[in-house]
Amino acid sequence: MKNKRVVNCLWCVAIVSVIVLSAFQSTPIQAVEIDSLPVTSDNEQPIEKKIVRDFVLYNYARLADDIINGVGIYLDTLYGLLKVPENEKSPLRSKLIKLLLEKKRIPEFSNCVANYEDCD
């Protein structure tokens, strides 16, 4: 009887975990306020670039869809993180499409996006 309770409890924990994870997975990540963050991280990379790189790494599939489609919350969030003015969004999107086609490895793509002014 005790073993049955433990198994039932484990199933409950597993079900709740799946529900919680699916709720977080379907929730888009919102842009974070980076004006008050320190200028550099431990390895001297500007923290803004690290935030952009991590955002692209964690959201690559959805961001790639938004880039291809030209609209979406992930693309808008990226524009916000990069502080892209309205008149520069279209040229940047063209560059992002080019990078998507050229950079087959996600980490390489995310580094280029974080350094989009320097990466060709």
PDB file of N, CA and C in Angstrom:
ATOM      1  N   MET A   1       0.820  -1.199   0.000  1.00  0.00           N
ATOM      2  CA  MET A   1       0.000   0.000   0.000  1.00  0.00           C
ATOM      3  C   MET A   1       0.867   1.267   0.000  1.00  0.00           C
ATOM      4  N   LYS A   2       1.950   1.234   0.772  1.00  0.00           N
ATOM      5  CA  LYS A   2       2.832   2.387   0.839  1.00  0.00           C
ATOM      6  C   LYS A   2       3.510   2.630  -0.517  1.00  0.00           C
ATOM      7  N   ASN A   3       3.921   1.552  -1.187  1.00  0.00           N
ATOM      8  CA  ASN A   3       4.548   1.687  -2.503  1.00  0.00           C
ATOM      9  C   ASN A   3       3.587   2.272  -3.519  1.00  0.00           C
ATOM     10  N   LYS A   4       2.316   1.919  -3.427  1.00  0.00           N
ATOM     11  CA  LYS A   4       1.312   2.446  -4.353  1.00  0.00           C
ATOM     12  C   LYS A   4       1.138   3.953  -4.153  1.00  0.00           C
ATOM     13  N   ARG A   5       1.182   4.408  -2.908  1.00  0.00           N
ATOM     14  CA  ARG A   5       1.083   5.844  -2.633  1.00  0.00           C
ATOM     15  C   ARG A   5       2.282   6.593  -3.191  1.00  0.00           C
ATOM     16  N   VAL A   6       3.451   6.012  -3.059  1.00  0.00           N
ATOM     17  CA  VAL A   6       4.661   6.645  -3.575  1.00  0.00           C
ATOM     18  C   VAL A   6       4.578   6.754  -5.097  1.00  0.00           C
ATOM     19  N   VAL A   7       4.134   5.696  -5.753  1.00  0.00           N
ATOM     20  CA  VAL A   7       4.004   5.708  -7.204  1.00  0.00           C
ATOM     21  C   VAL A   7       2.970   6.753  -7.629  1.00  0.00           C
ATOM     22  N   ASN A   8       1.840   6.796  -6.954  1.00  0.00           N
ATOM     23  CA  ASN A   8       0.812   7.786  -7.265  1.00  0.00           C
ATOM     24  C   ASN A   8       1.333   9.209  -7.058  1.00  0.00           C
ATOM     25  N   CYS A   9       2.087   9.404  -6.006  1.00  0.00           N
ATOM     26  CA  CYS A   9       2.662  10.718  -5.720  1.00  0.00           C
ATOM     27  C   CYS A   9       3.654  11.115  -6.818  1.00  0.00           C
ATOM     28  N   LEU A  10       4.480  10.168  -7.256  1.00  0.00           N
ATOM     29  CA  LEU A  10       5.439  10.443  -8.324  1.00  0.00           C
ATOM     30  C   LEU A  10       4.723  10.798  -9.622  1.00  0.00           C
ATOM     31  N   TRP A  11       3.615  10.102  -9.909  1.00  0.00           N
ATOM     32  CA  TRP A  11       2.840  10.425 -11.109  1.00  0.00           C
ATOM     33  C   TRP A  11       2.268  11.837 -11.020  1.00  0.00           C
ATOM     34  N   CYS A  12       1.789  12.203  -9.834  1.00  0.00           N
ATOM     35  CA  CYS A  12       1.254  13.557  -9.653  1.00  0.00           C
ATOM     36  C   CYS A  12       2.336  14.612  -9.878  1.00  0.00           C
ATOM     37  N   VAL A  13       3.511  14.367  -9.326  1.00  0.00           N
ATOM     38  CA  VAL A  13       4.628  15.299  -9.509  1.00  0.00           C
ATOM     39  C   VAL A  13       4.984  15.400 -10.991  1.00  0.00           C
ATOM     40  N   ALA A  14       5.017  14.265 -11.681  1.00  0.00           N
ATOM     41  CA  ALA A  14       5.361  14.263 -13.109  1.00  0.00           C
ATOM     42  C   ALA A  14       4.323  15.038 -13.917  1.00  0.00           C
ATOM     43  N   ILE A  15       3.059  14.840 -13.633  1.00  0.00           N
ATOM     44  CA  ILE A  15       1.991  15.527 -14.366  1.00  0.00           C
ATOM     45  C   ILE A  15       2.058  17.029 -14.122  1.00  0.00           C
ATOM     46  N   VAL A  16       2.223  17.426 -12.876  1.00  0.00           N
ATOM     47  CA  VAL A  16       2.323  18.852 -12.551  1.00  0.00           C
ATOM     48  C   VAL A  16       3.545  19.455 -13.230  1.00  0.00           C
ATOM     49  N   SER A  17       4.658  18.745 -13.244  1.00  0.00           N
ATOM     50  CA  SER A  17       5.870  19.241 -13.895  1.00  0.00           C
ATOM     51  C   SER A  17       5.647  19.468 -15.378  1.00  0.00           C
ATOM     52  N   VAL A  18       4.971  18.535 -16.030  1.00  0.00           N
ATOM     53  CA  VAL A  18       4.691  18.674 -17.463  1.00  0.00           C
ATOM     54  C   VAL A  18       3.794  19.875 -17.709  1.00  0.00           C
ATOM     55  N   ILE A  19       2.793  20.067 -16.875  1.00  0.00           N
ATOM     56  CA  ILE A  19       1.879  21.202 -17.035  1.00  0.00           C
ATOM     57  C   ILE A  19       2.626  22.513 -16.855  1.00  0.00           C
ATOM     58  N   VAL A  20       3.454  22.600 -15.827  1.00  0.00           N
ATOM     59  CA  VAL A  20       4.200  23.830 -15.557  1.00  0.00           C
ATOM     60  C   VAL A  20       5.180  24.107 -16.687  1.00  0.00           C
ATOM     61  N   LEU A  21       5.912  23.092 -17.125  1.00  0.00           N
ATOM     62  CA  LEU A  21       6.874  23.289 -18.208  1.00  0.00           C
ATOM     63  C   LEU A  21       6.195  23.691 -19.510  1.00  0.00           C
ATOM     64  N   SER A  22       5.053  23.096 -19.807  1.00  0.00           N
ATOM     65  CA  SER A  22       4.364  23.459 -21.045  1.00  0.00           C
ATOM     66  C   SER A  22       3.833  24.887 -20.970  1.00  0.00           C
ATOM     67  N   ALA A  23       3.443  25.328 -19.792  1.00  0.00           N
ATOM     68  CA  ALA A  23       2.968  26.703 -19.646  1.00  0.00           C
ATOM     69  C   ALA A  23       4.110  27.682 -19.898  1.00  0.00           C
ATOM     70  N   PHE A  24       5.295  27.382 -19.377  1.00  0.00           N
ATOM     71  CA  PHE A  24       6.435  28.263 -19.594  1.00  0.00           C
ATOM     72  C   PHE A  24       6.914  28.211 -21.031  1.00  0.00           C
ATOM     73  N   GLN A  25       6.834  27.042 -21.640  1.00  0.00           N
ATOM     74  CA  GLN A  25       7.316  26.889 -23.007  1.00  0.00           C
ATOM     75  C   GLN A  25       6.482  27.699 -23.988  1.00  0.00           C
ATOM     76  N   SER A  26       5.197  27.810 -23.758  1.00  0.00           N
ATOM     77  CA  SER A  26       4.345  28.526 -24.688  1.00  0.00           C
ATOM     78  C   SER A  26       4.334  30.026 -24.426  1.00  0.00           C
ATOM     79  N   THR A  27       4.943  30.466 -23.339  1.00  0.00           N
ATOM     80  CA  THR A  27       4.984  31.877 -23.014  1.00  0.00           C
ATOM     81  C   THR A  27       6.225  32.506 -23.633  1.00  0.00           C
ATOM     82  N   PRO A  28       6.071  33.480 -24.520  1.00  0.00           N
ATOM     83  CA  PRO A  28       7.243  34.096 -25.126  1.00  0.00           C
ATOM     84  C   PRO A  28       8.049  34.876 -24.101  1.00  0.00           C
ATOM     85  N   ILE A  29       9.328  34.877 -24.307  1.00  0.00           N
ATOM     86  CA  ILE A  29      10.208  35.631 -23.425  1.00  0.00           C
ATOM     87  C   ILE A  29      10.094  37.102 -23.790  1.00  0.00           C
ATOM     88  N   GLN A  30       9.933  37.919 -22.806  1.00  0.00           N
ATOM     89  CA  GLN A  30       9.806  39.346 -23.044  1.00  0.00           C
ATOM     90  C   GLN A  30      11.177  40.007 -22.976  1.00  0.00           C
ATOM     91  N   ALA A  31      11.297  41.142 -23.604  1.00  0.00           N
ATOM     92  CA  ALA A  31      12.547  41.892 -23.563  1.00  0.00           C
ATOM     93  C   ALA A  31      12.829  42.320 -22.129  1.00  0.00           C
ATOM     94  N   VAL A  32      14.087  42.335 -21.770  1.00  0.00           N
ATOM     95  CA  VAL A  32      14.469  42.756 -20.439  1.00  0.00           C
ATOM     96  C   VAL A  32      15.046  44.154 -20.505  1.00  0.00           C
ATOM     97  N   GLU A  33      14.949  44.855 -19.417  1.00  0.00           N
ATOM     98  CA  GLU A  33      15.515  46.195 -19.331  1.00  0.00           C
ATOM     99  C   GLU A  33      16.996  46.064 -19.062  1.00  0.00           C
ATOM    100  N   ILE A  34      17.824  46.526 -19.991  1.00  0.00           N
ATOM    101  CA  ILE A  34      19.260  46.325 -19.829  1.00  0.00           C
ATOM    102  C   ILE A  34      20.009  47.617 -19.544  1.00  0.00           C
ATOM    103  N   ASP A  35      19.310  48.730 -19.423  1.00  0.00           N
ATOM    104  CA  ASP A  35      19.985  50.001 -19.191  1.00  0.00           C
ATOM    105  C   ASP A  35      20.672  50.058 -17.830  1.00  0.00           C
ATOM    106  N   SER A  36      20.168  49.320 -16.861  1.00  0.00           N
ATOM    107  CA  SER A  36      20.722  49.404 -15.522  1.00  0.00           C
ATOM    108  C   SER A  36      21.729  48.305 -15.215  1.00  0.00           C
ATOM    109  N   LEU A  37      22.049  47.460 -16.199  1.00  0.00           N
ATOM    110  CA  LEU A  37      22.980  46.364 -15.976  1.00  0.00           C
ATOM    111  C   LEU A  37      24.414  46.838 -16.102  1.00  0.00           C
ATOM    112  N   PRO A  38      25.355  46.091 -15.508  1.00  0.00           N
ATOM    113  CA  PRO A  38      26.761  46.480 -15.628  1.00  0.00           C
ATOM    114  C   PRO A  38      27.224  46.420 -17.085  1.00  0.00           C
ATOM    115  N   VAL A  39      28.276  47.152 -17.378  1.00  0.00           N
ATOM    116  CA  VAL A  39      28.746  47.264 -18.751  1.00  0.00           C
ATOM    117  C   VAL A  39      29.398  45.979 -19.247  1.00  0.00           C
ATOM    118  N   THR A  40      30.118  45.280 -18.392  1.00  0.00           N
ATOM    119  CA  THR A  40      30.804  44.062 -18.839  1.00  0.00           C
ATOM    120  C   THR A  40      30.518  42.916 -17.885  1.00  0.00           C
ATOM    121  N   SER A  41      30.688  41.706 -18.410  1.00  0.00           N
ATOM    122  CA  SER A  41      30.550  40.506 -17.592  1.00  0.00           C
ATOM    123  C   SER A  41      31.944  40.032 -17.211  1.00  0.00           C
ATOM    124  N   ASP A  42      32.023  38.828 -16.646  1.00  0.00           N
ATOM    125  CA  ASP A  42      33.304  38.309 -16.171  1.00  0.00           C
ATOM    126  C   ASP A  42      34.342  38.188 -17.274  1.00  0.00           C
ATOM    127  N   ASN A  43      33.948  37.806 -18.472  1.00  0.00           N
ATOM    128  CA  ASN A  43      34.918  37.612 -19.544  1.00  0.00           C
ATOM    129  C   ASN A  43      35.051  38.849 -20.426  1.00  0.00           C
ATOM    130  N   GLU A  44      34.677  40.013 -19.909  1.00  0.00           N
ATOM    131  CA  GLU A  44      34.822  41.302 -20.574  1.00  0.00           C
ATOM    132  C   GLU A  44      33.954  41.468 -21.829  1.00  0.00           C
ATOM    133  N   GLN A  45      33.015  40.577 -22.049  1.00  0.00           N
ATOM    134  CA  GLN A  45      32.066  40.779 -23.142  1.00  0.00           C
ATOM    135  C   GLN A  45      30.959  41.681 -22.603  1.00  0.00           C
ATOM    136  N   PRO A  46      30.582  42.718 -23.345  1.00  0.00           N
ATOM    137  CA  PRO A  46      29.500  43.588 -22.858  1.00  0.00           C
ATOM    138  C   PRO A  46      28.254  42.759 -22.529  1.00  0.00           C
ATOM    139  N   ILE A  47      27.642  43.077 -21.409  1.00  0.00           N
ATOM    140  CA  ILE A  47      26.514  42.293 -20.918  1.00  0.00           C
ATOM    141  C   ILE A  47      25.346  42.342 -21.902  1.00  0.00           C
ATOM    142  N   GLU A  48      25.188  43.454 -22.622  1.00  0.00           N
ATOM    143  CA  GLU A  48      24.101  43.542 -23.598  1.00  0.00           C
ATOM    144  C   GLU A  48      24.273  42.483 -24.689  1.00  0.00           C
ATOM    145  N   LYS A  49      25.502  42.288 -25.144  1.00  0.00           N
ATOM    146  CA  LYS A  49      25.764  41.288 -26.179  1.00  0.00           C
ATOM    147  C   LYS A  49      25.545  39.884 -25.646  1.00  0.00           C
ATOM    148  N   LYS A  50      25.894  39.658 -24.388  1.00  0.00           N
ATOM    149  CA  LYS A  50      25.669  38.345 -23.782  1.00  0.00           C
ATOM    150  C   LYS A  50      24.173  38.056 -23.680  1.00  0.00           C
ATOM    151  N   ILE A  51      23.395  39.055 -23.323  1.00  0.00           N
ATOM    152  CA  ILE A  51      21.942  38.881 -23.223  1.00  0.00           C
ATOM    153  C   ILE A  51      21.363  38.558 -24.602  1.00  0.00           C
ATOM    154  N   VAL A  52      21.807  39.275 -25.630  1.00  0.00           N
ATOM    155  CA  VAL A  52      21.326  39.010 -26.991  1.00  0.00           C
ATOM    156  C   VAL A  52      21.723  37.609 -27.420  1.00  0.00           C
ATOM    157  N   ARG A  53      22.990  37.250 -27.196  1.00  0.00           N
ATOM    158  CA  ARG A  53      23.468  35.925 -27.589  1.00  0.00           C
ATOM    159  C   ARG A  53      22.660  34.828 -26.893  1.00  0.00           C
ATOM    160  N   ASP A  54      22.442  34.965 -25.596  1.00  0.00           N
ATOM    161  CA  ASP A  54      21.681  33.962 -24.854  1.00  0.00           C
ATOM    162  C   ASP A  54      20.231  33.903 -25.324  1.00  0.00           C
ATOM    163  N   PHE A  55      19.633  35.053 -25.601  1.00  0.00           N
ATOM    164  CA  PHE A  55      18.262  35.082 -26.107  1.00  0.00           C
ATOM    165  C   PHE A  55      18.166  34.305 -27.420  1.00  0.00           C
ATOM    166  N   VAL A  56      19.112  34.537 -28.328  1.00  0.00           N
ATOM    167  CA  VAL A  56      19.096  33.850 -29.621  1.00  0.00           C
ATOM    168  C   VAL A  56      19.326  32.352 -29.432  1.00  0.00           C
ATOM    169  N   LEU A  57      20.257  31.986 -28.553  1.00  0.00           N
ATOM    170  CA  LEU A  57      20.528  30.567 -28.298  1.00  0.00           C
ATOM    171  C   LEU A  57      19.290  29.837 -27.791  1.00  0.00           C
ATOM    172  N   TYR A  58      18.610  30.414 -26.824  1.00  0.00           N
ATOM    173  CA  TYR A  58      17.477  29.749 -26.189  1.00  0.00           C
ATOM    174  C   TYR A  58      16.202  29.773 -27.033  1.00  0.00           C
ATOM    175  N   ASN A  59      16.121  30.708 -27.957  1.00  0.00           N
ATOM    176  CA  ASN A  59      14.886  30.876 -28.730  1.00  0.00           C
ATOM    177  C   ASN A  59      15.115  30.748 -30.230  1.00  0.00           C
ATOM    178  N   TYR A  60      16.150  30.031 -30.625  1.00  0.00           N
ATOM    179  CA  TYR A  60      16.568  29.977 -32.022  1.00  0.00           C
ATOM    180  C   TYR A  60      15.423  29.584 -32.965  1.00  0.00           C
ATOM    181  N   ALA A  61      14.745  28.498 -32.696  1.00  0.00           N
ATOM    182  CA  ALA A  61      13.724  27.995 -33.627  1.00  0.00           C
ATOM    183  C   ALA A  61      12.603  29.011 -33.831  1.00  0.00           C
ATOM    184  N   ARG A  62      12.088  29.544 -32.753  1.00  0.00           N
ATOM    185  CA  ARG A  62      10.983  30.511 -32.868  1.00  0.00           C
ATOM    186  C   ARG A  62      11.462  31.825 -33.473  1.00  0.00           C
ATOM    187  N   LEU A  63      12.676  32.239 -33.106  1.00  0.00           N
ATOM    188  CA  LEU A  63      13.233  33.462 -33.677  1.00  0.00           C
ATOM    189  C   LEU A  63      13.470  33.300 -35.173  1.00  0.00           C
ATOM    190  N   ALA A  64      13.994  32.151 -35.579  1.00  0.00           N
ATOM    191  CA  ALA A  64      14.222  31.898 -37.008  1.00  0.00           C
ATOM    192  C   ALA A  64      12.905  31.957 -37.784  1.00  0.00           C
ATOM    193  N   ASP A  65      11.848  31.396 -37.234  1.00  0.00           N
ATOM    194  CA  ASP A  65      10.525  31.484 -37.875  1.00  0.00           C
ATOM    195  C   ASP A  65      10.086  32.936 -38.029  1.00  0.00           C
ATOM    196  N   ASP A  66      10.263  33.721 -36.964  1.00  0.00           N
ATOM    197  CA  ASP A  66       9.879  35.136 -37.016  1.00  0.00           C
ATOM    198  C   ASP A  66      10.706  35.900 -38.047  1.00  0.00           C
ATOM    199  N   ILE A  67      11.994  35.594 -38.123  1.00  0.00           N
ATOM    200  CA  ILE A  67      12.859  36.278 -39.089  1.00  0.00           C
ATOM    201  C   ILE A  67      12.389  35.974 -40.506  1.00  0.00           C
ATOM    202  N   ILE A  68      12.120  34.711 -40.779  1.00  0.00           N
ATOM    203  CA  ILE A  68      11.663  34.316 -42.111  1.00  0.00           C
ATOM    204  C   ILE A  68      10.318  34.958 -42.434  1.00  0.00           C
ATOM    205  N   ASN A  69       9.396  34.962 -41.468  1.00  0.00           N
ATOM    206  CA  ASN A  69       8.053  35.528 -41.680  1.00  0.00           C
ATOM    207  C   ASN A  69       8.040  37.054 -41.655  1.00  0.00           C
ATOM    208  N   GLY A  70       9.037  37.657 -41.035  1.00  0.00           N
ATOM    209  CA  GLY A  70       9.113  39.114 -40.967  1.00  0.00           C
ATOM    210  C   GLY A  70       8.353  39.745 -39.824  1.00  0.00           C
ATOM    211  N   VAL A  71       7.661  38.940 -39.032  1.00  0.00           N
ATOM    212  CA  VAL A  71       6.911  39.449 -37.881  1.00  0.00           C
ATOM    213  C   VAL A  71       6.943  38.423 -36.762  1.00  0.00           C
ATOM    214  N   GLY A  72       6.711  38.888 -35.556  1.00  0.00           N
ATOM    215  CA  GLY A  72       6.598  37.977 -34.427  1.00  0.00           C
ATOM    216  C   GLY A  72       7.205  38.553 -33.165  1.00  0.00           C
ATOM    217  N   ILE A  73       6.781  38.013 -32.051  1.00  0.00           N
ATOM    218  CA  ILE A  73       7.220  38.507 -30.744  1.00  0.00           C
ATOM    219  C   ILE A  73       8.719  38.313 -30.537  1.00  0.00           C
ATOM    220  N   TYR A  74       9.262  37.224 -31.058  1.00  0.00           N
ATOM    221  CA  TYR A  74      10.693  36.969 -30.865  1.00  0.00           C
ATOM    222  C   TYR A  74      11.540  37.937 -31.681  1.00  0.00           C
ATOM    223  N   LEU A  75      11.121  38.237 -32.890  1.00  0.00           N
ATOM    224  CA  LEU A  75      11.825  39.219 -33.715  1.00  0.00           C
ATOM    225  C   LEU A  75      11.707  40.605 -33.094  1.00  0.00           C
ATOM    226  N   ASP A  76      10.522  40.961 -32.625  1.00  0.00           N
ATOM    227  CA  ASP A  76      10.334  42.254 -31.963  1.00  0.00           C
ATOM    228  C   ASP A  76      11.199  42.366 -30.711  1.00  0.00           C
ATOM    229  N   THR A  77      11.292  41.276 -29.956  1.00  0.00           N
ATOM    230  CA  THR A  77      12.119  41.274 -28.755  1.00  0.00           C
ATOM    231  C   THR A  77      13.586  41.453 -29.127  1.00  0.00           C
ATOM    232  N   LEU A  78      14.025  40.780 -30.181  1.00  0.00           N
ATOM    233  CA  LEU A  78      15.409  40.941 -30.631  1.00  0.00           C
ATOM    234  C   LEU A  78      15.685  42.383 -31.037  1.00  0.00           C
ATOM    235  N   TYR A  79      14.769  42.985 -31.792  1.00  0.00           N
ATOM    236  CA  TYR A  79      14.931  44.394 -32.160  1.00  0.00           C
ATOM    237  C   TYR A  79      15.052  45.266 -30.909  1.00  0.00           C
ATOM    238  N   GLY A  80      14.250  44.968 -29.901  1.00  0.00           N
ATOM    239  CA  GLY A  80      14.315  45.732 -28.655  1.00  0.00           C
ATOM    240  C   GLY A  80      15.638  45.543 -27.932  1.00  0.00           C
ATOM    241  N   LEU A  81      16.117  44.316 -27.875  1.00  0.00           N
ATOM    242  CA  LEU A  81      17.398  44.055 -27.209  1.00  0.00           C
ATOM    243  C   LEU A  81      18.559  44.733 -27.926  1.00  0.00           C
ATOM    244  N   LEU A  82      18.475  44.772 -29.254  1.00  0.00           N
ATOM    245  CA  LEU A  82      19.530  45.408 -30.047  1.00  0.00           C
ATOM    246  C   LEU A  82      19.331  46.919 -30.184  1.00  0.00           C
ATOM    247  N   LYS A  83      18.183  47.410 -29.691  1.00  0.00           N
ATOM    248  CA  LYS A  83      17.838  48.836 -29.770  1.00  0.00           C
ATOM    249  C   LYS A  83      17.890  49.328 -31.216  1.00  0.00           C
ATOM    250  N   VAL A  84      17.214  48.600 -32.083  1.00  0.00           N
ATOM    251  CA  VAL A  84      17.208  48.913 -33.512  1.00  0.00           C
ATOM    252  C   VAL A  84      16.143  49.965 -33.798  1.00  0.00           C
ATOM    253  N   PRO A  85      16.525  51.096 -34.412  1.00  0.00           N
ATOM    254  CA  PRO A  85      15.530  52.094 -34.803  1.00  0.00           C
ATOM    255  C   PRO A  85      14.602  51.537 -35.890  1.00  0.00           C
ATOM    256  N   GLU A  86      13.424  52.085 -35.985  1.00  0.00           N
ATOM    257  CA  GLU A  86      12.408  51.600 -36.928  1.00  0.00           C
ATOM    258  C   GLU A  86      12.926  51.558 -38.365  1.00  0.00           C
ATOM    259  N   ASN A  87      13.683  52.577 -38.768  1.00  0.00           N
ATOM    260  CA  ASN A  87      14.147  52.641 -40.154  1.00  0.00           C
ATOM    261  C   ASN A  87      15.270  51.644 -40.466  1.00  0.00           C
ATOM    262  N   GLU A  88      15.827  50.981 -39.451  1.00  0.00           N
ATOM    263  CA  GLU A  88      16.901  50.007 -39.670  1.00  0.00           C
ATOM    264  C   GLU A  88      16.434  48.557 -39.531  1.00  0.00           C
ATOM    265  N   LYS A  89      15.164  48.354 -39.234  1.00  0.00           N
ATOM    266  CA  LYS A  89      14.659  46.998 -39.019  1.00  0.00           C
ATOM    267  C   LYS A  89      14.678  46.157 -40.291  1.00  0.00           C
ATOM    268  N   SER A  90      14.257  46.718 -41.397  1.00  0.00           N
ATOM    269  CA  SER A  90      14.221  45.961 -42.642  1.00  0.00           C
ATOM    270  C   SER A  90      15.616  45.550 -43.115  1.00  0.00           C
ATOM    271  N   PRO A  91      16.602  46.469 -43.122  1.00  0.00           N
ATOM    272  CA  PRO A  91      17.959  46.042 -43.506  1.00  0.00           C
ATOM    273  C   PRO A  91      18.539  44.995 -42.547  1.00  0.00           C
ATOM    274  N   LEU A  92      18.242  45.143 -41.254  1.00  0.00           N
ATOM    275  CA  LEU A  92      18.735  44.156 -40.297  1.00  0.00           C
ATOM    276  C   LEU A  92      18.082  42.799 -40.546  1.00  0.00           C
ATOM    277  N   ARG A  93      16.796  42.780 -40.843  1.00  0.00           N
ATOM    278  CA  ARG A  93      16.116  41.515 -41.126  1.00  0.00           C
ATOM    279  C   ARG A  93      16.735  40.829 -42.342  1.00  0.00           C
ATOM    280  N   SER A  94      17.070  41.595 -43.355  1.00  0.00           N
ATOM    281  CA  SER A  94      17.749  41.024 -44.530  1.00  0.00           C
ATOM    282  C   SER A  94      19.079  40.406 -44.140  1.00  0.00           C
ATOM    283  N   LYS A  95      19.806  41.098 -43.281  1.00  0.00           N
ATOM    284  CA  LYS A  95      21.099  40.581 -42.811  1.00  0.00           C
ATOM    285  C   LYS A  95      20.898  39.316 -41.972  1.00  0.00           C
ATOM    286  N   LEU A  96      19.845  39.293 -41.156  1.00  0.00           N
ATOM    287  CA  LEU A  96      19.557  38.115 -40.329  1.00  0.00           C
ATOM    288  C   LEU A  96      19.199  36.911 -41.203  1.00  0.00           C
ATOM    289  N   ILE A  97      18.445  37.138 -42.272  1.00  0.00           N
ATOM    290  CA  ILE A  97      18.114  36.036 -43.188  1.00  0.00           C
ATOM    291  C   ILE A  97      19.399  35.486 -43.809  1.00  0.00           C
ATOM    292  N   LYS A  98      20.272  36.390 -44.228  1.00  0.00           N
ATOM    293  CA  LYS A  98      21.554  35.976 -44.803  1.00  0.00           C
ATOM    294  C   LYS A  98      22.358  35.165 -43.789  1.00  0.00           C
ATOM    295  N   LEU A  99      22.390  35.628 -42.544  1.00  0.00           N
ATOM    296  CA  LEU A  99      23.119  34.899 -41.492  1.00  0.00           C
ATOM    297  C   LEU A  99      22.497  33.536 -41.233  1.00  0.00           C
ATOM    298  N   LEU A 100      21.163  33.455 -41.255  1.00  0.00           N
ATOM    299  CA  LEU A 100      20.487  32.167 -41.061  1.00  0.00           C
ATOM    300  C   LEU A 100      20.935  31.155 -42.107  1.00  0.00           C
ATOM    301  N   LEU A 101      21.096  31.621 -43.332  1.00  0.00           N
ATOM    302  CA  LEU A 101      21.493  30.729 -44.423  1.00  0.00           C
ATOM    303  C   LEU A 101      22.976  30.369 -44.363  1.00  0.00           C
ATOM    304  N   GLU A 102      23.803  31.291 -43.907  1.00  0.00           N
ATOM    305  CA  GLU A 102      25.247  31.074 -43.883  1.00  0.00           C
ATOM    306  C   GLU A 102      25.733  30.341 -42.639  1.00  0.00           C
ATOM    307  N   LYS A 103      25.202  30.698 -41.501  1.00  0.00           N
ATOM    308  CA  LYS A 103      25.680  30.144 -40.223  1.00  0.00           C
ATOM    309  C   LYS A 103      24.811  28.955 -39.844  1.00  0.00           C
ATOM    310  N   LYS A 104      25.315  27.769 -40.093  1.00  0.00           N
ATOM    311  CA  LYS A 104      24.544  26.545 -39.845  1.00  0.00           C
ATOM    312  C   LYS A 104      24.545  26.129 -38.378  1.00  0.00           C
ATOM    313  N   ARG A 105      25.531  26.590 -37.631  1.00  0.00           N
ATOM    314  CA  ARG A 105      25.595  26.249 -36.205  1.00  0.00           C
ATOM    315  C   ARG A 105      24.950  27.369 -35.395  1.00  0.00           C
ATOM    316  N   ILE A 106      24.075  27.004 -34.483  1.00  0.00           N
ATOM    317  CA  ILE A 106      23.330  27.988 -33.693  1.00  0.00           C
ATOM    318  C   ILE A 106      24.256  28.891 -32.874  1.00  0.00           C
ATOM    319  N   PRO A 107      25.282  28.364 -32.195  1.00  0.00           N
ATOM    320  CA  PRO A 107      26.162  29.266 -31.435  1.00  0.00           C
ATOM    321  C   PRO A 107      26.861  30.302 -32.321  1.00  0.00           C
ATOM    322  N   GLU A 108      27.260  29.892 -33.507  1.00  0.00           N
ATOM    323  CA  GLU A 108      27.915  30.818 -34.431  1.00  0.00           C
ATOM    324  C   GLU A 108      26.921  31.906 -34.872  1.00  0.00           C
ATOM    325  N   PHE A 109      25.691  31.491 -35.171  1.00  0.00           N
ATOM    326  CA  PHE A 109      24.648  32.446 -35.549  1.00  0.00           C
ATOM    327  C   PHE A 109      24.378  33.419 -34.402  1.00  0.00           C
ATOM    328  N   SER A 110      24.261  32.902 -33.177  1.00  0.00           N
ATOM    329  CA  SER A 110      23.942  33.768 -32.038  1.00  0.00           C
ATOM    330  C   SER A 110      25.067  34.765 -31.767  1.00  0.00           C
ATOM    331  N   ASN A 111      26.317  34.360 -31.945  1.00  0.00           N
ATOM    332  CA  ASN A 111      27.436  35.291 -31.765  1.00  0.00           C
ATOM    333  C   ASN A 111      27.399  36.393 -32.820  1.00  0.00           C
ATOM    334  N   CYS A 112      27.083  36.040 -34.051  1.00  0.00           N
ATOM    335  CA  CYS A 112      26.985  37.046 -35.115  1.00  0.00           C
ATOM    336  C   CYS A 112      25.841  38.021 -34.856  1.00  0.00           C
ATOM    337  N   VAL A 113      24.730  37.521 -34.380  1.00  0.00           N
ATOM    338  CA  VAL A 113      23.600  38.411 -34.093  1.00  0.00           C
ATOM    339  C   VAL A 113      23.964  39.362 -32.951  1.00  0.00           C
ATOM    340  N   ALA A 114      24.631  38.848 -31.930  1.00  0.00           N
ATOM    341  CA  ALA A 114      25.036  39.689 -30.801  1.00  0.00           C
ATOM    342  C   ALA A 114      26.016  40.766 -31.251  1.00  0.00           C
ATOM    343  N   ASN A 115      26.813  40.475 -32.272  1.00  0.00           N
ATOM    344  CA  ASN A 115      27.802  41.419 -32.798  1.00  0.00           C
ATOM    345  C   ASN A 115      27.413  41.831 -34.217  1.00  0.00           C
ATOM    346  N   TYR A 116      26.140  42.082 -34.438  1.00  0.00           N
ATOM    347  CA  TYR A 116      25.633  42.250 -35.808  1.00  0.00           C
ATOM    348  C   TYR A 116      26.308  43.389 -36.564  1.00  0.00           C
ATOM    349  N   GLU A 117      26.851  44.360 -35.872  1.00  0.00           N
ATOM    350  CA  GLU A 117      27.518  45.469 -36.560  1.00  0.00           C
ATOM    351  C   GLU A 117      28.883  45.036 -37.101  1.00  0.00           C
ATOM    352  N   ASP A 118      29.491  44.021 -36.467  1.00  0.00           N
ATOM    353  CA  ASP A 118      30.829  43.585 -36.845  1.00  0.00           C
ATOM    354  C   ASP A 118      30.837  42.316 -37.678  1.00  0.00           C
ATOM    355  N   CYS A 119      29.738  41.610 -37.747  1.00  0.00           N
ATOM    356  CA  CYS A 119      29.713  40.296 -38.377  1.00  0.00           C
ATOM    357  C   CYS A 119      29.195  40.373 -39.809  1.00  0.00           C
ATOM    358  N   ASP A 120      29.971  39.792 -40.718  1.00  0.00           N
ATOM    359  CA  ASP A 120      29.540  39.738 -42.122  1.00  0.00           C
ATOM    360  C   ASP A 120      29.443  38.321 -42.584  1.00  0.00           C
TER     361      ASP A 120
END
